[in-house]
Amino acid sequence: NSVEKLAHCIVERYGARVCIAAMAGPVVVRGAEHLPPDATPPGQPAPVYVANHSSQIDVGAVYYLFRRFKWIAKQSVTYLPGVGQIMHLSGHVFIKRTG
């Protein structure tokens, strides 16, 4: 249900911020004033945020945008202990890669 999904999202965001704070220190988001508001009106296109994987830290840093979003990840991520479970419970999108 939506309350459970919200709870998992909160745990996910808190866990990501704690990990990044412990591993990388403070995160500064520059240009946040240019981001669309968190609540996208119905009928409007949803924003897309891209973590370019220049390191593992940029993935966690996305949580400092303080916006709702969903990850698109390869299906094998579901097998990562902890990460896969919380992503599944939070409703992220998994794709099957072939080739």
PDB file of N, CA and C in Angstrom:
ATOM      1  N   ASN A   1       0.835  -1.192   0.000  1.00  0.00           N
ATOM      2  CA  ASN A   1       0.000   0.000   0.000  1.00  0.00           C
ATOM      3  C   ASN A   1       0.871   1.243   0.000  1.00  0.00           C
ATOM      4  N   SER A   2       0.281   2.401  -0.201  1.00  0.00           N
ATOM      5  CA  SER A   2       1.049   3.628  -0.386  1.00  0.00           C
ATOM      6  C   SER A   2       1.761   4.073   0.893  1.00  0.00           C
ATOM      7  N   VAL A   3       1.201   3.784   2.063  1.00  0.00           N
ATOM      8  CA  VAL A   3       1.865   4.166   3.313  1.00  0.00           C
ATOM      9  C   VAL A   3       3.144   3.349   3.497  1.00  0.00           C
ATOM     10  N   GLU A   4       3.073   2.062   3.195  1.00  0.00           N
ATOM     11  CA  GLU A   4       4.266   1.218   3.299  1.00  0.00           C
ATOM     12  C   GLU A   4       5.338   1.659   2.309  1.00  0.00           C
ATOM     13  N   LYS A   5       4.919   1.962   1.076  1.00  0.00           N
ATOM     14  CA  LYS A   5       5.875   2.406   0.057  1.00  0.00           C
ATOM     15  C   LYS A   5       6.541   3.709   0.483  1.00  0.00           C
ATOM     16  N   LEU A   6       5.749   4.635   1.043  1.00  0.00           N
ATOM     17  CA  LEU A   6       6.305   5.891   1.539  1.00  0.00           C
ATOM     18  C   LEU A   6       7.307   5.640   2.653  1.00  0.00           C
ATOM     19  N   ALA A   7       6.986   4.717   3.556  1.00  0.00           N
ATOM     20  CA  ALA A   7       7.902   4.390   4.649  1.00  0.00           C
ATOM     21  C   ALA A   7       9.216   3.839   4.108  1.00  0.00           C
ATOM     22  N   HIS A   8       9.144   2.978   3.105  1.00  0.00           N
ATOM     23  CA  HIS A   8      10.368   2.435   2.512  1.00  0.00           C
ATOM     24  C   HIS A   8      11.174   3.528   1.820  1.00  0.00           C
ATOM     25  N   CYS A   9      10.495   4.466   1.169  1.00  0.00           N
ATOM     26  CA  CYS A   9      11.190   5.586   0.524  1.00  0.00           C
ATOM     27  C   CYS A   9      11.910   6.443   1.552  1.00  0.00           C
ATOM     28  N   ILE A  10      11.278   6.672   2.692  1.00  0.00           N
ATOM     29  CA  ILE A  10      11.904   7.473   3.746  1.00  0.00           C
ATOM     30  C   ILE A  10      13.144   6.763   4.279  1.00  0.00           C
ATOM     31  N   VAL A  11      13.042   5.460   4.529  1.00  0.00           N
ATOM     32  CA  VAL A  11      14.193   4.686   5.002  1.00  0.00           C
ATOM     33  C   VAL A  11      15.310   4.723   3.968  1.00  0.00           C
ATOM     34  N   GLU A  12      14.946   4.567   2.700  1.00  0.00           N
ATOM     35  CA  GLU A  12      15.933   4.595   1.619  1.00  0.00           C
ATOM     36  C   GLU A  12      16.666   5.936   1.577  1.00  0.00           C
ATOM     37  N   ARG A  13      15.923   7.019   1.618  1.00  0.00           N
ATOM     38  CA  ARG A  13      16.532   8.354   1.549  1.00  0.00           C
ATOM     39  C   ARG A  13      17.412   8.631   2.761  1.00  0.00           C
ATOM     40  N   TYR A  14      16.927   8.281   3.928  1.00  0.00           N
ATOM     41  CA  TYR A  14      17.719   8.508   5.141  1.00  0.00           C
ATOM     42  C   TYR A  14      19.005   7.680   5.102  1.00  0.00           C
ATOM     43  N   GLY A  15      18.874   6.412   4.717  1.00  0.00           N
ATOM     44  CA  GLY A  15      20.052   5.543   4.636  1.00  0.00           C
ATOM     45  C   GLY A  15      21.071   6.054   3.636  1.00  0.00           C
ATOM     46  N   ALA A  16      20.610   6.519   2.486  1.00  0.00           N
ATOM     47  CA  ALA A  16      21.529   7.044   1.471  1.00  0.00           C
ATOM     48  C   ALA A  16      22.251   8.285   1.977  1.00  0.00           C
ATOM     49  N   ARG A  17      21.525   9.179   2.620  1.00  0.00           N
ATOM     50  CA  ARG A  17      22.154  10.409   3.126  1.00  0.00           C
ATOM     51  C   ARG A  17      23.161  10.106   4.218  1.00  0.00           C
ATOM     52  N   VAL A  18      22.860   9.145   5.094  1.00  0.00           N
ATOM     53  CA  VAL A  18      23.801   8.773   6.160  1.00  0.00           C
ATOM     54  C   VAL A  18      25.064   8.175   5.544  1.00  0.00           C
ATOM     55  N   CYS A  19      24.904   7.294   4.571  1.00  0.00           N
ATOM     56  CA  CYS A  19      26.073   6.677   3.924  1.00  0.00           C
ATOM     57  C   CYS A  19      26.947   7.714   3.239  1.00  0.00           C
ATOM     58  N   ILE A  20      26.336   8.622   2.500  1.00  0.00           N
ATOM     59  CA  ILE A  20      27.107   9.650   1.801  1.00  0.00           C
ATOM     60  C   ILE A  20      27.792  10.577   2.791  1.00  0.00           C
ATOM     61  N   ALA A  21      27.085  10.969   3.844  1.00  0.00           N
ATOM     62  CA  ALA A  21      27.692  11.845   4.855  1.00  0.00           C
ATOM     63  C   ALA A  21      28.891  11.163   5.499  1.00  0.00           C
ATOM     64  N   ALA A  22      28.784   9.857   5.742  1.00  0.00           N
ATOM     65  CA  ALA A  22      29.885   9.126   6.379  1.00  0.00           C
ATOM     66  C   ALA A  22      31.055   8.916   5.431  1.00  0.00           C
ATOM     67  N   MET A  23      30.784   8.678   4.152  1.00  0.00           N
ATOM     68  CA  MET A  23      31.853   8.358   3.206  1.00  0.00           C
ATOM     69  C   MET A  23      32.442   9.572   2.510  1.00  0.00           C
ATOM     70  N   ALA A  24      31.609  10.592   2.273  1.00  0.00           N
ATOM     71  CA  ALA A  24      32.069  11.705   1.449  1.00  0.00           C
ATOM     72  C   ALA A  24      32.061  13.046   2.161  1.00  0.00           C
ATOM     73  N   GLY A  25      31.306  13.145   3.238  1.00  0.00           N
ATOM     74  CA  GLY A  25      31.205  14.435   3.918  1.00  0.00           C
ATOM     75  C   GLY A  25      30.033  15.237   3.411  1.00  0.00           C
ATOM     76  N   PRO A  26      30.049  16.533   3.639  1.00  0.00           N
ATOM     77  CA  PRO A  26      28.910  17.372   3.247  1.00  0.00           C
ATOM     78  C   PRO A  26      28.688  17.384   1.731  1.00  0.00           C
ATOM     79  N   VAL A  27      27.430  17.460   1.347  1.00  0.00           N
ATOM     80  CA  VAL A  27      27.054  17.542  -0.068  1.00  0.00           C
ATOM     81  C   VAL A  27      26.450  18.918  -0.303  1.00  0.00           C
ATOM     82  N   VAL A  28      26.914  19.595  -1.345  1.00  0.00           N
ATOM     83  CA  VAL A  28      26.385  20.898  -1.718  1.00  0.00           C
ATOM     84  C   VAL A  28      25.747  20.769  -3.091  1.00  0.00           C
ATOM     85  N   VAL A  29      24.477  21.139  -3.190  1.00  0.00           N
ATOM     86  CA  VAL A  29      23.774  21.121  -4.473  1.00  0.00           C
ATOM     87  C   VAL A  29      23.796  22.538  -5.021  1.00  0.00           C
ATOM     88  N   ARG A  30      24.420  22.704  -6.169  1.00  0.00           N
ATOM     89  CA  ARG A  30      24.467  24.020  -6.810  1.00  0.00           C
ATOM     90  C   ARG A  30      23.419  24.075  -7.905  1.00  0.00           C
ATOM     91  N   GLY A  31      22.736  25.200  -8.007  1.00  0.00           N
ATOM     92  CA  GLY A  31      21.734  25.379  -9.047  1.00  0.00           C
ATOM     93  C   GLY A  31      20.373  24.814  -8.698  1.00  0.00           C
ATOM     94  N   ALA A  32      20.127  24.510  -7.414  1.00  0.00           N
ATOM     95  CA  ALA A  32      18.839  23.937  -6.999  1.00  0.00           C
ATOM     96  C   ALA A  32      17.669  24.849  -7.346  1.00  0.00           C
ATOM     97  N   GLU A  33      17.935  26.141  -7.449  1.00  0.00           N
ATOM     98  CA  GLU A  33      16.855  27.075  -7.785  1.00  0.00           C
ATOM     99  C   GLU A  33      16.324  26.846  -9.207  1.00  0.00           C
ATOM    100  N   HIS A  34      17.071  26.128 -10.030  1.00  0.00           N
ATOM    101  CA  HIS A  34      16.651  25.859 -11.400  1.00  0.00           C
ATOM    102  C   HIS A  34      15.843  24.559 -11.520  1.00  0.00           C
ATOM    103  N   LEU A  35      15.746  23.802 -10.441  1.00  0.00           N
ATOM    104  CA  LEU A  35      14.984  22.556 -10.467  1.00  0.00           C
ATOM    105  C   LEU A  35      13.493  22.845 -10.431  1.00  0.00           C
ATOM    106  N   PRO A  36      12.692  22.001 -11.072  1.00  0.00           N
ATOM    107  CA  PRO A  36      11.240  22.184 -10.965  1.00  0.00           C
ATOM    108  C   PRO A  36      10.789  21.893  -9.536  1.00  0.00           C
ATOM    109  N   PRO A  37       9.614  22.385  -9.147  1.00  0.00           N
ATOM    110  CA  PRO A  37       9.126  22.096  -7.804  1.00  0.00           C
ATOM    111  C   PRO A  37       8.954  20.597  -7.599  1.00  0.00           C
ATOM    112  N   ASP A  38       8.995  20.168  -6.345  1.00  0.00           N
ATOM    113  CA  ASP A  38       8.905  18.743  -6.040  1.00  0.00           C
ATOM    114  C   ASP A  38       7.577  18.159  -6.504  1.00  0.00           C
ATOM    115  N   ALA A  39       6.504  18.881  -6.341  1.00  0.00           N
ATOM    116  CA  ALA A  39       5.181  18.381  -6.721  1.00  0.00           C
ATOM    117  C   ALA A  39       4.887  18.776  -8.170  1.00  0.00           C
ATOM    118  N   THR A  40       5.132  17.859  -9.104  1.00  0.00           N
ATOM    119  CA  THR A  40       4.850  18.127 -10.510  1.00  0.00           C
ATOM    120  C   THR A  40       3.343  18.052 -10.723  1.00  0.00           C
ATOM    121  N   PRO A  41       2.726  19.104 -11.285  1.00  0.00           N
ATOM    122  CA  PRO A  41       1.272  19.086 -11.502  1.00  0.00           C
ATOM    123  C   PRO A  41       0.862  17.950 -12.438  1.00  0.00           C
ATOM    124  N   PRO A  42      -0.331  17.377 -12.222  1.00  0.00           N
ATOM    125  CA  PRO A  42      -0.810  16.321 -13.118  1.00  0.00           C
ATOM    126  C   PRO A  42      -0.838  16.813 -14.564  1.00  0.00           C
ATOM    127  N   GLY A  43      -0.459  15.931 -15.462  1.00  0.00           N
ATOM    128  CA  GLY A  43      -0.457  16.287 -16.877  1.00  0.00           C
ATOM    129  C   GLY A  43       0.841  16.920 -17.344  1.00  0.00           C
ATOM    130  N   GLN A  44       1.697  17.299 -16.420  1.00  0.00           N
ATOM    131  CA  GLN A  44       2.988  17.881 -16.778  1.00  0.00           C
ATOM    132  C   GLN A  44       4.034  16.768 -16.842  1.00  0.00           C
ATOM    133  N   PRO A  45       5.011  16.899 -17.728  1.00  0.00           N
ATOM    134  CA  PRO A  45       6.048  15.865 -17.784  1.00  0.00           C
ATOM    135  C   PRO A  45       6.868  15.849 -16.500  1.00  0.00           C
ATOM    136  N   ALA A  46       7.201  14.668 -16.053  1.00  0.00           N
ATOM    137  CA  ALA A  46       8.018  14.522 -14.848  1.00  0.00           C
ATOM    138  C   ALA A  46       9.470  14.828 -15.182  1.00  0.00           C
ATOM    139  N   PRO A  47      10.193  15.442 -14.277  1.00  0.00           N
ATOM    140  CA  PRO A  47      11.609  15.702 -14.541  1.00  0.00           C
ATOM    141  C   PRO A  47      12.417  14.402 -14.512  1.00  0.00           C
ATOM    142  N   VAL A  48      13.545  14.417 -15.175  1.00  0.00           N
ATOM    143  CA  VAL A  48      14.452  13.278 -15.180  1.00  0.00           C
ATOM    144  C   VAL A  48      15.770  13.738 -14.575  1.00  0.00           C
ATOM    145  N   TYR A  49      16.218  13.032 -13.554  1.00  0.00           N
ATOM    146  CA  TYR A  49      17.504  13.316 -12.929  1.00  0.00           C
ATOM    147  C   TYR A  49      18.447  12.177 -13.296  1.00  0.00           C
ATOM    148  N   VAL A  50      19.646  12.507 -13.718  1.00  0.00           N
ATOM    149  CA  VAL A  50      20.590  11.497 -14.172  1.00  0.00           C
ATOM    150  C   VAL A  50      21.829  11.511 -13.289  1.00  0.00           C
ATOM    151  N   ALA A  51      22.142  10.343 -12.732  1.00  0.00           N
ATOM    152  CA  ALA A  51      23.407  10.162 -12.015  1.00  0.00           C
ATOM    153  C   ALA A  51      24.344   9.476 -13.003  1.00  0.00           C
ATOM    154  N   ASN A  52      25.429  10.134 -13.353  1.00  0.00           N
ATOM    155  CA  ASN A  52      26.263   9.641 -14.447  1.00  0.00           C
ATOM    156  C   ASN A  52      27.262   8.566 -14.040  1.00  0.00           C
ATOM    157  N   HIS A  53      27.240   8.144 -12.804  1.00  0.00           N
ATOM    158  CA  HIS A  53      28.123   7.077 -12.324  1.00  0.00           C
ATOM    159  C   HIS A  53      29.604   7.395 -12.505  1.00  0.00           C
ATOM    160  N   SER A  54      29.975   8.660 -12.371  1.00  0.00           N
ATOM    161  CA  SER A  54      31.405   8.949 -12.401  1.00  0.00           C
ATOM    162  C   SER A  54      32.056   8.376 -11.138  1.00  0.00           C
ATOM    163  N   SER A  55      31.250   8.122 -10.129  1.00  0.00           N
ATOM    164  CA  SER A  55      31.675   7.383  -8.934  1.00  0.00           C
ATOM    165  C   SER A  55      30.415   6.822  -8.291  1.00  0.00           C
ATOM    166  N   GLN A  56      30.566   6.023  -7.261  1.00  0.00           N
ATOM    167  CA  GLN A  56      29.400   5.502  -6.538  1.00  0.00           C
ATOM    168  C   GLN A  56      28.744   6.583  -5.692  1.00  0.00           C
ATOM    169  N   ILE A  57      29.476   7.619  -5.395  1.00  0.00           N
ATOM    170  CA  ILE A  57      28.955   8.675  -4.530  1.00  0.00           C
ATOM    171  C   ILE A  57      27.903   9.517  -5.241  1.00  0.00           C
ATOM    172  N   ASP A  58      28.027   9.704  -6.557  1.00  0.00           N
ATOM    173  CA  ASP A  58      27.041  10.543  -7.242  1.00  0.00           C
ATOM    174  C   ASP A  58      25.642   9.954  -7.184  1.00  0.00           C
ATOM    175  N   VAL A  59      25.533   8.623  -7.100  1.00  0.00           N
ATOM    176  CA  VAL A  59      24.220   7.982  -6.977  1.00  0.00           C
ATOM    177  C   VAL A  59      23.559   8.410  -5.663  1.00  0.00           C
ATOM    178  N   GLY A  60      24.284   8.350  -4.567  1.00  0.00           N
ATOM    179  CA  GLY A  60      23.742   8.759  -3.272  1.00  0.00           C
ATOM    180  C   GLY A  60      23.519  10.251  -3.169  1.00  0.00           C
ATOM    181  N   ALA A  61      24.324  11.015  -3.883  1.00  0.00           N
ATOM    182  CA  ALA A  61      24.188  12.474  -3.814  1.00  0.00           C
ATOM    183  C   ALA A  61      22.866  12.952  -4.402  1.00  0.00           C
ATOM    184  N   VAL A  62      22.258  12.174  -5.279  1.00  0.00           N
ATOM    185  CA  VAL A  62      20.967  12.552  -5.866  1.00  0.00           C
ATOM    186  C   VAL A  62      19.910  12.717  -4.769  1.00  0.00           C
ATOM    187  N   TYR A  63      20.054  11.996  -3.673  1.00  0.00           N
ATOM    188  CA  TYR A  63      19.078  12.100  -2.582  1.00  0.00           C
ATOM    189  C   TYR A  63      19.103  13.477  -1.923  1.00  0.00           C
ATOM    190  N   TYR A  64      20.165  14.225  -2.126  1.00  0.00           N
ATOM    191  CA  TYR A  64      20.249  15.579  -1.564  1.00  0.00           C
ATOM    192  C   TYR A  64      19.469  16.602  -2.388  1.00  0.00           C
ATOM    193  N   LEU A  65      18.850  16.179  -3.480  1.00  0.00           N
ATOM    194  CA  LEU A  65      17.964  17.077  -4.226  1.00  0.00           C
ATOM    195  C   LEU A  65      16.657  17.289  -3.463  1.00  0.00           C
ATOM    196  N   PHE A  66      16.358  16.376  -2.526  1.00  0.00           N
ATOM    197  CA  PHE A  66      15.121  16.427  -1.740  1.00  0.00           C
ATOM    198  C   PHE A  66      13.899  16.480  -2.649  1.00  0.00           C
ATOM    199  N   ARG A  67      13.908  15.603  -3.656  1.00  0.00           N
ATOM    200  CA  ARG A  67      12.802  15.471  -4.593  1.00  0.00           C
ATOM    201  C   ARG A  67      12.404  14.004  -4.655  1.00  0.00           C
ATOM    202  N   ARG A  68      11.144  13.755  -4.967  1.00  0.00           N
ATOM    203  CA  ARG A  68      10.709  12.380  -5.192  1.00  0.00           C
ATOM    204  C   ARG A  68      11.195  11.955  -6.569  1.00  0.00           C
ATOM    205  N   PHE A  69      11.685  10.746  -6.674  1.00  0.00           N
ATOM    206  CA  PHE A  69      12.143  10.218  -7.953  1.00  0.00           C
ATOM    207  C   PHE A  69      12.171   8.705  -7.881  1.00  0.00           C
ATOM    208  N   LYS A  70      12.331   8.085  -9.009  1.00  0.00           N
ATOM    209  CA  LYS A  70      12.489   6.638  -9.091  1.00  0.00           C
ATOM    210  C   LYS A  70      13.745   6.339  -9.895  1.00  0.00           C
ATOM    211  N   TRP A  71      14.480   5.342  -9.439  1.00  0.00           N
ATOM    212  CA  TRP A  71      15.641   4.875 -10.178  1.00  0.00           C
ATOM    213  C   TRP A  71      15.191   3.924 -11.266  1.00  0.00           C
ATOM    214  N   ILE A  72      15.933   3.892 -12.351  1.00  0.00           N
ATOM    215  CA  ILE A  72      15.823   2.838 -13.348  1.00  0.00           C
ATOM    216  C   ILE A  72      17.123   2.069 -13.233  1.00  0.00           C
ATOM    217  N   ALA A  73      17.014   0.783 -12.905  1.00  0.00           N
ATOM    218  CA  ALA A  73      18.207  -0.024 -12.662  1.00  0.00           C
ATOM    219  C   ALA A  73      18.088  -1.366 -13.368  1.00  0.00           C
ATOM    220  N   LYS A  74      19.228  -1.958 -13.643  1.00  0.00           N
ATOM    221  CA  LYS A  74      19.187  -3.292 -14.235  1.00  0.00           C
ATOM    222  C   LYS A  74      18.638  -4.276 -13.202  1.00  0.00           C
ATOM    223  N   GLN A  75      17.958  -5.292 -13.680  1.00  0.00           N
ATOM    224  CA  GLN A  75      17.252  -6.228 -12.822  1.00  0.00           C
ATOM    225  C   GLN A  75      18.180  -6.936 -11.842  1.00  0.00           C
ATOM    226  N   SER A  76      19.437  -7.117 -12.189  1.00  0.00           N
ATOM    227  CA  SER A  76      20.367  -7.828 -11.305  1.00  0.00           C
ATOM    228  C   SER A  76      20.628  -7.073 -10.000  1.00  0.00           C
ATOM    229  N   VAL A  77      20.296  -5.774  -9.954  1.00  0.00           N
ATOM    230  CA  VAL A  77      20.464  -4.996  -8.722  1.00  0.00           C
ATOM    231  C   VAL A  77      19.572  -5.549  -7.611  1.00  0.00           C
ATOM    232  N   THR A  78      18.480  -6.198  -7.977  1.00  0.00           N
ATOM    233  CA  THR A  78      17.587  -6.751  -6.954  1.00  0.00           C
ATOM    234  C   THR A  78      18.285  -7.800  -6.099  1.00  0.00           C
ATOM    235  N   TYR A  79      19.381  -8.366  -6.580  1.00  0.00           N
ATOM    236  CA  TYR A  79      20.105  -9.383  -5.824  1.00  0.00           C
ATOM    237  C   TYR A  79      21.152  -8.810  -4.875  1.00  0.00           C
ATOM    238  N   LEU A  80      21.360  -7.504  -4.892  1.00  0.00           N
ATOM    239  CA  LEU A  80      22.301  -6.890  -3.956  1.00  0.00           C
ATOM    240  C   LEU A  80      21.668  -6.846  -2.564  1.00  0.00           C
ATOM    241  N   PRO A  81      22.327  -7.402  -1.564  1.00  0.00           N
ATOM    242  CA  PRO A  81      21.741  -7.424  -0.220  1.00  0.00           C
ATOM    243  C   PRO A  81      21.420  -6.013   0.278  1.00  0.00           C
ATOM    244  N   GLY A  82      20.220  -5.826   0.766  1.00  0.00           N
ATOM    245  CA  GLY A  82      19.797  -4.532   1.297  1.00  0.00           C
ATOM    246  C   GLY A  82      19.364  -3.577   0.214  1.00  0.00           C
ATOM    247  N   VAL A  83      20.245  -3.279  -0.704  1.00  0.00           N
ATOM    248  CA  VAL A  83      19.962  -2.317  -1.773  1.00  0.00           C
ATOM    249  C   VAL A  83      18.803  -2.799  -2.643  1.00  0.00           C
ATOM    250  N   GLY A  84      18.875  -4.037  -3.099  1.00  0.00           N
ATOM    251  CA  GLY A  84      17.836  -4.577  -3.965  1.00  0.00           C
ATOM    252  C   GLY A  84      16.476  -4.620  -3.288  1.00  0.00           C
ATOM    253  N   GLN A  85      16.460  -5.026  -2.027  1.00  0.00           N
ATOM    254  CA  GLN A  85      15.193  -5.120  -1.308  1.00  0.00           C
ATOM    255  C   GLN A  85      14.549  -3.758  -1.117  1.00  0.00           C
ATOM    256  N   ILE A  86      15.329  -2.781  -0.678  1.00  0.00           N
ATOM    257  CA  ILE A  86      14.735  -1.463  -0.417  1.00  0.00           C
ATOM    258  C   ILE A  86      14.308  -0.802  -1.725  1.00  0.00           C
ATOM    259  N   MET A  87      15.067  -1.030  -2.812  1.00  0.00           N
ATOM    260  CA  MET A  87      14.661  -0.471  -4.102  1.00  0.00           C
ATOM    261  C   MET A  87      13.353  -1.100  -4.575  1.00  0.00           C
ATOM    262  N   HIS A  88      13.234  -2.400  -4.402  1.00  0.00           N
ATOM    263  CA  HIS A  88      12.001  -3.088  -4.789  1.00  0.00           C
ATOM    264  C   HIS A  88      10.818  -2.590  -3.956  1.00  0.00           C
ATOM    265  N   LEU A  89      11.002  -2.516  -2.654  1.00  0.00           N
ATOM    266  CA  LEU A  89       9.921  -2.083  -1.771  1.00  0.00           C
ATOM    267  C   LEU A  89       9.552  -0.619  -1.981  1.00  0.00           C
ATOM    268  N   SER A  90      10.484   0.195  -2.471  1.00  0.00           N
ATOM    269  CA  SER A  90      10.211   1.615  -2.715  1.00  0.00           C
ATOM    270  C   SER A  90       9.594   1.861  -4.088  1.00  0.00           C
ATOM    271  N   GLY A  91       9.487   0.815  -4.902  1.00  0.00           N
ATOM    272  CA  GLY A  91       8.799   0.945  -6.184  1.00  0.00           C
ATOM    273  C   GLY A  91       9.650   1.449  -7.331  1.00  0.00           C
ATOM    274  N   HIS A  92      10.965   1.220  -7.272  1.00  0.00           N
ATOM    275  CA  HIS A  92      11.815   1.639  -8.379  1.00  0.00           C
ATOM    276  C   HIS A  92      11.606   0.717  -9.576  1.00  0.00           C
ATOM    277  N   VAL A  93      12.109   1.115 -10.730  1.00  0.00           N
ATOM    278  CA  VAL A  93      11.874   0.401 -11.981  1.00  0.00           C
ATOM    279  C   VAL A  93      13.104  -0.432 -12.320  1.00  0.00           C
ATOM    280  N   PHE A  94      12.875  -1.717 -12.589  1.00  0.00           N
ATOM    281  CA  PHE A  94      13.967  -2.608 -12.971  1.00  0.00           C
ATOM    282  C   PHE A  94      13.763  -3.054 -14.399  1.00  0.00           C
ATOM    283  N   ILE A  95      14.866  -3.097 -15.148  1.00  0.00           N
ATOM    284  CA  ILE A  95      14.794  -3.532 -16.545  1.00  0.00           C
ATOM    285  C   ILE A  95      15.699  -4.738 -16.737  1.00  0.00           C
ATOM    286  N   LYS A  96      15.283  -5.612 -17.631  1.00  0.00           N
ATOM    287  CA  LYS A  96      16.089  -6.780 -17.964  1.00  0.00           C
ATOM    288  C   LYS A  96      16.967  -6.417 -19.145  1.00  0.00           C
ATOM    289  N   ARG A  97      18.272  -6.461 -18.918  1.00  0.00           N
ATOM    290  CA  ARG A  97      19.212  -6.130 -19.988  1.00  0.00           C
ATOM    291  C   ARG A  97      19.628  -7.407 -20.687  1.00  0.00           C
ATOM    292  N   THR A  98      19.707  -7.350 -21.988  1.00  0.00           N
ATOM    293  CA  THR A  98      20.181  -8.488 -22.772  1.00  0.00           C
ATOM    294  C   THR A  98      21.256  -8.011 -23.732  1.00  0.00           C
ATOM    295  N   GLY A  99      22.064  -8.954 -24.158  1.00  0.00           N
ATOM    296  CA  GLY A  99      23.050  -8.599 -25.174  1.00  0.00           C
ATOM    297  C   GLY A  99      24.430  -8.498 -24.726  1.00  0.00           C
TER     298      GLY A  99
END
